[in-house]
Amino acid sequence: MLAAADLVCWAKLICFAHVPSLARCEIAAFRYRVLHVAARFTRSARQMRLKIDRTWRWAAQIAAGFHRLRAAFA
């Protein structure tokens, strides 16, 4: 349980530091907004893509956070 909380905290710090509404929200709200999003990872031409439903309220912030996460570990 503590490892999961640590991973969520690191995700907030790395991915959503520039989005205060996601970086400072409670764990239940973060789980609903980010972790339960209807999305798919797809691979084509050696690229990995994250496809998020455009109607999701935090879709742009999640996509930007995913890019920051990839850049942090590249």
PDB file of N, CA and C in Angstrom:
ATOM      1  N   MET A   1       0.819  -1.190   0.000  1.00  0.00           N
ATOM      2  CA  MET A   1       0.000   0.000   0.000  1.00  0.00           C
ATOM      3  C   MET A   1       0.864   1.255   0.000  1.00  0.00           C
ATOM      4  N   LEU A   2       1.923   1.266   0.777  1.00  0.00           N
ATOM      5  CA  LEU A   2       2.781   2.442   0.816  1.00  0.00           C
ATOM      6  C   LEU A   2       3.528   2.631  -0.501  1.00  0.00           C
ATOM      7  N   ALA A   3       3.875   1.550  -1.165  1.00  0.00           N
ATOM      8  CA  ALA A   3       4.558   1.669  -2.454  1.00  0.00           C
ATOM      9  C   ALA A   3       3.639   2.305  -3.481  1.00  0.00           C
ATOM     10  N   ALA A   4       2.372   1.960  -3.472  1.00  0.00           N
ATOM     11  CA  ALA A   4       1.415   2.552  -4.407  1.00  0.00           C
ATOM     12  C   ALA A   4       1.255   4.044  -4.135  1.00  0.00           C
ATOM     13  N   ALA A   5       1.205   4.427  -2.875  1.00  0.00           N
ATOM     14  CA  ALA A   5       1.088   5.844  -2.528  1.00  0.00           C
ATOM     15  C   ALA A   5       2.330   6.605  -2.965  1.00  0.00           C
ATOM     16  N   ASP A   6       3.499   5.987  -2.813  1.00  0.00           N
ATOM     17  CA  ASP A   6       4.736   6.623  -3.265  1.00  0.00           C
ATOM     18  C   ASP A   6       4.745   6.816  -4.778  1.00  0.00           C
ATOM     19  N   LEU A   7       4.285   5.815  -5.515  1.00  0.00           N
ATOM     20  CA  LEU A   7       4.239   5.940  -6.976  1.00  0.00           C
ATOM     21  C   LEU A   7       3.285   7.038  -7.421  1.00  0.00           C
ATOM     22  N   VAL A   8       2.162   7.153  -6.753  1.00  0.00           N
ATOM     23  CA  VAL A   8       1.218   8.221  -7.091  1.00  0.00           C
ATOM     24  C   VAL A   8       1.825   9.586  -6.789  1.00  0.00           C
ATOM     25  N   CYS A   9       2.523   9.706  -5.673  1.00  0.00           N
ATOM     26  CA  CYS A   9       3.172  10.979  -5.325  1.00  0.00           C
ATOM     27  C   CYS A   9       4.248  11.342  -6.335  1.00  0.00           C
ATOM     28  N   TRP A  10       5.046  10.386  -6.764  1.00  0.00           N
ATOM     29  CA  TRP A  10       6.063  10.644  -7.775  1.00  0.00           C
ATOM     30  C   TRP A  10       5.429  11.035  -9.108  1.00  0.00           C
ATOM     31  N   ALA A  11       4.335  10.381  -9.455  1.00  0.00           N
ATOM     32  CA  ALA A  11       3.634  10.741 -10.694  1.00  0.00           C
ATOM     33  C   ALA A  11       3.122  12.172 -10.625  1.00  0.00           C
ATOM     34  N   LYS A  12       2.600  12.554  -9.465  1.00  0.00           N
ATOM     35  CA  LYS A  12       2.139  13.930  -9.304  1.00  0.00           C
ATOM     36  C   LYS A  12       3.286  14.917  -9.453  1.00  0.00           C
ATOM     37  N   LEU A  13       4.430  14.599  -8.849  1.00  0.00           N
ATOM     38  CA  LEU A  13       5.574  15.506  -8.906  1.00  0.00           C
ATOM     39  C   LEU A  13       6.163  15.613 -10.313  1.00  0.00           C
ATOM     40  N   ILE A  14       6.330  14.494 -10.977  1.00  0.00           N
ATOM     41  CA  ILE A  14       6.981  14.495 -12.290  1.00  0.00           C
ATOM     42  C   ILE A  14       6.024  14.963 -13.380  1.00  0.00           C
ATOM     43  N   CYS A  15       4.823  14.439 -13.388  1.00  0.00           N
ATOM     44  CA  CYS A  15       3.917  14.678 -14.512  1.00  0.00           C
ATOM     45  C   CYS A  15       3.072  15.929 -14.373  1.00  0.00           C
ATOM     46  N   PHE A  16       2.648  16.251 -13.168  1.00  0.00           N
ATOM     47  CA  PHE A  16       1.637  17.286 -13.009  1.00  0.00           C
ATOM     48  C   PHE A  16       2.070  18.437 -12.116  1.00  0.00           C
ATOM     49  N   ALA A  17       3.355  18.719 -12.056  1.00  0.00           N
ATOM     50  CA  ALA A  17       3.832  19.826 -11.233  1.00  0.00           C
ATOM     51  C   ALA A  17       3.324  21.171 -11.757  1.00  0.00           C
ATOM     52  N   HIS A  18       3.072  21.263 -13.069  1.00  0.00           N
ATOM     53  CA  HIS A  18       2.620  22.514 -13.672  1.00  0.00           C
ATOM     54  C   HIS A  18       1.104  22.653 -13.689  1.00  0.00           C
ATOM     55  N   VAL A  19       0.396  21.640 -13.197  1.00  0.00           N
ATOM     56  CA  VAL A  19      -1.073  21.668 -13.145  1.00  0.00           C
ATOM     57  C   VAL A  19      -1.479  21.561 -11.679  1.00  0.00           C
ATOM     58  N   PRO A  20      -1.659  22.692 -10.993  1.00  0.00           N
ATOM     59  CA  PRO A  20      -1.929  22.643  -9.552  1.00  0.00           C
ATOM     60  C   PRO A  20      -3.185  21.868  -9.171  1.00  0.00           C
ATOM     61  N   SER A  21      -4.194  21.886 -10.025  1.00  0.00           N
ATOM     62  CA  SER A  21      -5.430  21.178  -9.672  1.00  0.00           C
ATOM     63  C   SER A  21      -5.217  19.668  -9.631  1.00  0.00           C
ATOM     64  N   LEU A  22      -4.277  19.143 -10.398  1.00  0.00           N
ATOM     65  CA  LEU A  22      -3.972  17.709 -10.351  1.00  0.00           C
ATOM     66  C   LEU A  22      -2.833  17.388  -9.393  1.00  0.00           C
ATOM     67  N   ALA A  23      -1.895  18.296  -9.240  1.00  0.00           N
ATOM     68  CA  ALA A  23      -0.744  18.030  -8.377  1.00  0.00           C
ATOM     69  C   ALA A  23      -1.113  18.040  -6.897  1.00  0.00           C
ATOM     70  N   ARG A  24      -2.120  18.812  -6.530  1.00  0.00           N
ATOM     71  CA  ARG A  24      -2.455  18.956  -5.116  1.00  0.00           C
ATOM     72  C   ARG A  24      -3.770  18.303  -4.710  1.00  0.00           C
ATOM     73  N   CYS A  25      -4.394  17.582  -5.607  1.00  0.00           N
ATOM     74  CA  CYS A  25      -5.693  16.983  -5.274  1.00  0.00           C
ATOM     75  C   CYS A  25      -5.495  15.749  -4.383  1.00  0.00           C
ATOM     76  N   GLU A  26      -6.559  15.363  -3.744  1.00  0.00           N
ATOM     77  CA  GLU A  26      -6.542  14.168  -2.898  1.00  0.00           C
ATOM     78  C   GLU A  26      -6.353  12.923  -3.753  1.00  0.00           C
ATOM     79  N   ILE A  27      -5.966  11.841  -3.116  1.00  0.00           N
ATOM     80  CA  ILE A  27      -5.672  10.599  -3.828  1.00  0.00           C
ATOM     81  C   ILE A  27      -6.918  10.056  -4.550  1.00  0.00           C
ATOM     82  N   ALA A  28      -8.085  10.175  -3.953  1.00  0.00           N
ATOM     83  CA  ALA A  28      -9.308   9.683  -4.594  1.00  0.00           C
ATOM     84  C   ALA A  28      -9.647  10.504  -5.833  1.00  0.00           C
ATOM     85  N   ALA A  29      -9.480  11.814  -5.751  1.00  0.00           N
ATOM     86  CA  ALA A  29      -9.741  12.675  -6.903  1.00  0.00           C
ATOM     87  C   ALA A  29      -8.709  12.422  -8.008  1.00  0.00           C
ATOM     88  N   PHE A  30      -7.450  12.239  -7.623  1.00  0.00           N
ATOM     89  CA  PHE A  30      -6.404  11.950  -8.610  1.00  0.00           C
ATOM     90  C   PHE A  30      -6.678  10.623  -9.306  1.00  0.00           C
ATOM     91  N   ARG A  31      -7.109   9.641  -8.550  1.00  0.00           N
ATOM     92  CA  ARG A  31      -7.427   8.335  -9.123  1.00  0.00           C
ATOM     93  C   ARG A  31      -8.551   8.460 -10.150  1.00  0.00           C
ATOM     94  N   TYR A  32      -9.586   9.230  -9.823  1.00  0.00           N
ATOM     95  CA  TYR A  32     -10.703   9.408 -10.743  1.00  0.00           C
ATOM     96  C   TYR A  32     -10.278  10.193 -11.991  1.00  0.00           C
ATOM     97  N   ARG A  33      -9.515  11.278 -11.795  1.00  0.00           N
ATOM     98  CA  ARG A  33      -9.182  12.163 -12.910  1.00  0.00           C
ATOM     99  C   ARG A  33      -8.117  11.598 -13.831  1.00  0.00           C
ATOM    100  N   VAL A  34      -7.141  10.902 -13.285  1.00  0.00           N
ATOM    101  CA  VAL A  34      -5.985  10.480 -14.087  1.00  0.00           C
ATOM    102  C   VAL A  34      -5.931   8.973 -14.300  1.00  0.00           C
ATOM    103  N   LEU A  35      -6.052   8.205 -13.246  1.00  0.00           N
ATOM    104  CA  LEU A  35      -5.846   6.768 -13.358  1.00  0.00           C
ATOM    105  C   LEU A  35      -7.023   6.019 -13.958  1.00  0.00           C
ATOM    106  N   HIS A  36      -8.215   6.582 -13.896  1.00  0.00           N
ATOM    107  CA  HIS A  36      -9.394   5.907 -14.436  1.00  0.00           C
ATOM    108  C   HIS A  36      -9.831   6.472 -15.783  1.00  0.00           C
ATOM    109  N   VAL A  37      -8.940   7.149 -16.467  1.00  0.00           N
ATOM    110  CA  VAL A  37      -9.280   7.729 -17.769  1.00  0.00           C
ATOM    111  C   VAL A  37      -9.410   6.622 -18.819  1.00  0.00           C
ATOM    112  N   ALA A  38     -10.343   6.796 -19.737  1.00  0.00           N
ATOM    113  CA  ALA A  38     -10.510   5.839 -20.827  1.00  0.00           C
ATOM    114  C   ALA A  38      -9.462   6.157 -21.894  1.00  0.00           C
ATOM    115  N   ALA A  39      -8.384   5.368 -21.916  1.00  0.00           N
ATOM    116  CA  ALA A  39      -7.287   5.625 -22.845  1.00  0.00           C
ATOM    117  C   ALA A  39      -6.665   4.307 -23.282  1.00  0.00           C
ATOM    118  N   ARG A  40      -5.902   4.383 -24.367  1.00  0.00           N
ATOM    119  CA  ARG A  40      -5.189   3.211 -24.879  1.00  0.00           C
ATOM    120  C   ARG A  40      -3.770   3.615 -25.248  1.00  0.00           C
ATOM    121  N   PHE A  41      -2.837   2.716 -25.001  1.00  0.00           N
ATOM    122  CA  PHE A  41      -1.486   2.848 -25.529  1.00  0.00           C
ATOM    123  C   PHE A  41      -1.438   2.080 -26.837  1.00  0.00           C
ATOM    124  N   THR A  42      -0.944   2.709 -27.886  1.00  0.00           N
ATOM    125  CA  THR A  42      -0.788   2.017 -29.161  1.00  0.00           C
ATOM    126  C   THR A  42       0.647   2.185 -29.631  1.00  0.00           C
ATOM    127  N   ARG A  43       1.119   1.206 -30.371  1.00  0.00           N
ATOM    128  CA  ARG A  43       2.466   1.261 -30.935  1.00  0.00           C
ATOM    129  C   ARG A  43       2.372   1.140 -32.441  1.00  0.00           C
ATOM    130  N   SER A  44       3.099   2.014 -33.116  1.00  0.00           N
ATOM    131  CA  SER A  44       3.217   1.910 -34.559  1.00  0.00           C
ATOM    132  C   SER A  44       4.457   2.679 -34.978  1.00  0.00           C
ATOM    133  N   ALA A  45       5.168   2.128 -35.923  1.00  0.00           N
ATOM    134  CA  ALA A  45       6.382   2.758 -36.453  1.00  0.00           C
ATOM    135  C   ALA A  45       7.346   3.161 -35.338  1.00  0.00           C
ATOM    136  N   ARG A  46       7.552   2.254 -34.391  1.00  0.00           N
ATOM    137  CA  ARG A  46       8.479   2.452 -33.271  1.00  0.00           C
ATOM    138  C   ARG A  46       8.097   3.625 -32.376  1.00  0.00           C
ATOM    139  N   GLN A  47       6.863   4.026 -32.414  1.00  0.00           N
ATOM    140  CA  GLN A  47       6.387   5.099 -31.550  1.00  0.00           C
ATOM    141  C   GLN A  47       5.294   4.563 -30.647  1.00  0.00           C
ATOM    142  N   MET A  48       5.271   5.088 -29.448  1.00  0.00           N
ATOM    143  CA  MET A  48       4.224   4.727 -28.507  1.00  0.00           C
ATOM    144  C   MET A  48       3.302   5.930 -28.371  1.00  0.00           C
ATOM    145  N   ARG A  49       2.014   5.705 -28.536  1.00  0.00           N
ATOM    146  CA  ARG A  49       1.050   6.792 -28.481  1.00  0.00           C
ATOM    147  C   ARG A  49       0.023   6.517 -27.402  1.00  0.00           C
ATOM    148  N   LEU A  50      -0.406   7.595 -26.778  1.00  0.00           N
ATOM    149  CA  LEU A  50      -1.457   7.530 -25.778  1.00  0.00           C
ATOM    150  C   LEU A  50      -2.704   8.151 -26.392  1.00  0.00           C
ATOM    151  N   LYS A  51      -3.747   7.357 -26.555  1.00  0.00           N
ATOM    152  CA  LYS A  51      -4.995   7.846 -27.136  1.00  0.00           C
ATOM    153  C   LYS A  51      -6.023   8.005 -26.025  1.00  0.00           C
ATOM    154  N   ILE A  52      -6.391   9.258 -25.786  1.00  0.00           N
ATOM    155  CA  ILE A  52      -7.320   9.611 -24.723  1.00  0.00           C
ATOM    156  C   ILE A  52      -8.596  10.148 -25.359  1.00  0.00           C
ATOM    157  N   ASP A  53      -9.722   9.835 -24.744  1.00  0.00           N
ATOM    158  CA  ASP A  53     -10.991  10.387 -25.202  1.00  0.00           C
ATOM    159  C   ASP A  53     -10.935  11.916 -25.119  1.00  0.00           C
ATOM    160  N   ARG A  54     -11.210  12.596 -26.230  1.00  0.00           N
ATOM    161  CA  ARG A  54     -11.091  14.060 -26.267  1.00  0.00           C
ATOM    162  C   ARG A  54     -12.106  14.770 -25.379  1.00  0.00           C
ATOM    163  N   THR A  55     -13.182  14.106 -25.043  1.00  0.00           N
ATOM    164  CA  THR A  55     -14.193  14.751 -24.220  1.00  0.00           C
ATOM    165  C   THR A  55     -13.847  14.717 -22.733  1.00  0.00           C
ATOM    166  N   TRP A  56     -12.803  13.985 -22.358  1.00  0.00           N
ATOM    167  CA  TRP A  56     -12.392  13.924 -20.959  1.00  0.00           C
ATOM    168  C   TRP A  56     -11.845  15.283 -20.545  1.00  0.00           C
ATOM    169  N   ARG A  57     -12.273  15.779 -19.418  1.00  0.00           N
ATOM    170  CA  ARG A  57     -11.940  17.143 -18.995  1.00  0.00           C
ATOM    171  C   ARG A  57     -10.436  17.391 -18.852  1.00  0.00           C
ATOM    172  N   TRP A  58      -9.692  16.402 -18.416  1.00  0.00           N
ATOM    173  CA  TRP A  58      -8.259  16.568 -18.157  1.00  0.00           C
ATOM    174  C   TRP A  58      -7.403  15.900 -19.228  1.00  0.00           C
ATOM    175  N   ALA A  59      -7.922  15.706 -20.407  1.00  0.00           N
ATOM    176  CA  ALA A  59      -7.194  14.991 -21.470  1.00  0.00           C
ATOM    177  C   ALA A  59      -5.898  15.711 -21.854  1.00  0.00           C
ATOM    178  N   ALA A  60      -5.947  17.006 -22.031  1.00  0.00           N
ATOM    179  CA  ALA A  60      -4.738  17.754 -22.429  1.00  0.00           C
ATOM    180  C   ALA A  60      -3.677  17.706 -21.330  1.00  0.00           C
ATOM    181  N   GLN A  61      -4.099  17.828 -20.075  1.00  0.00           N
ATOM    182  CA  GLN A  61      -3.136  17.792 -18.969  1.00  0.00           C
ATOM    183  C   GLN A  61      -2.521  16.411 -18.820  1.00  0.00           C
ATOM    184  N   ILE A  62      -3.295  15.365 -19.035  1.00  0.00           N
ATOM    185  CA  ILE A  62      -2.769  14.007 -18.936  1.00  0.00           C
ATOM    186  C   ILE A  62      -1.781  13.739 -20.057  1.00  0.00           C
ATOM    187  N   ALA A  63      -2.093  14.188 -21.267  1.00  0.00           N
ATOM    188  CA  ALA A  63      -1.172  14.000 -22.393  1.00  0.00           C
ATOM    189  C   ALA A  63       0.139  14.748 -22.156  1.00  0.00           C
ATOM    190  N   ALA A  64       0.059  15.976 -21.673  1.00  0.00           N
ATOM    191  CA  ALA A  64       1.278  16.742 -21.375  1.00  0.00           C
ATOM    192  C   ALA A  64       2.079  16.079 -20.259  1.00  0.00           C
ATOM    193  N   GLY A  65       1.387  15.558 -19.246  1.00  0.00           N
ATOM    194  CA  GLY A  65       2.077  14.856 -18.159  1.00  0.00           C
ATOM    195  C   GLY A  65       2.763  13.592 -18.640  1.00  0.00           C
ATOM    196  N   PHE A  66       2.124  12.871 -19.559  1.00  0.00           N
ATOM    197  CA  PHE A  66       2.742  11.672 -20.126  1.00  0.00           C
ATOM    198  C   PHE A  66       4.015  12.033 -20.891  1.00  0.00           C
ATOM    199  N   HIS A  67       3.995  13.139 -21.619  1.00  0.00           N
ATOM    200  CA  HIS A  67       5.197  13.571 -22.337  1.00  0.00           C
ATOM    201  C   HIS A  67       6.311  13.963 -21.371  1.00  0.00           C
ATOM    202  N   ARG A  68       5.958  14.627 -20.264  1.00  0.00           N
ATOM    203  CA  ARG A  68       6.979  14.972 -19.263  1.00  0.00           C
ATOM    204  C   ARG A  68       7.562  13.727 -18.610  1.00  0.00           C
ATOM    205  N   LEU A  69       6.720  12.714 -18.377  1.00  0.00           N
ATOM    206  CA  LEU A  69       7.201  11.467 -17.795  1.00  0.00           C
ATOM    207  C   LEU A  69       8.162  10.755 -18.742  1.00  0.00           C
ATOM    208  N   ARG A  70       7.822  10.701 -20.028  1.00  0.00           N
ATOM    209  CA  ARG A  70       8.712  10.073 -21.015  1.00  0.00           C
ATOM    210  C   ARG A  70      10.035  10.833 -21.119  1.00  0.00           C
ATOM    211  N   ALA A  71       9.984  12.160 -21.055  1.00  0.00           N
ATOM    212  CA  ALA A  71      11.196  12.962 -21.144  1.00  0.00           C
ATOM    213  C   ALA A  71      12.071  12.792 -19.901  1.00  0.00           C
ATOM    214  N   ALA A  72      11.454  12.577 -18.750  1.00  0.00           N
ATOM    215  CA  ALA A  72      12.217  12.418 -17.505  1.00  0.00           C
ATOM    216  C   ALA A  72      13.040  11.136 -17.505  1.00  0.00           C
ATOM    217  N   PHE A  73      12.557  10.096 -18.182  1.00  0.00           N
ATOM    218  CA  PHE A  73      13.246   8.813 -18.176  1.00  0.00           C
ATOM    219  C   PHE A  73      13.877   8.459 -19.515  1.00  0.00           C
ATOM    220  N   ALA A  74      13.957   9.409 -20.409  1.00  0.00           N
ATOM    221  CA  ALA A  74      14.574   9.136 -21.720  1.00  0.00           C
ATOM    222  C   ALA A  74      16.052   9.444 -21.719  1.00  0.00           C
TER     223      ALA A  74
END
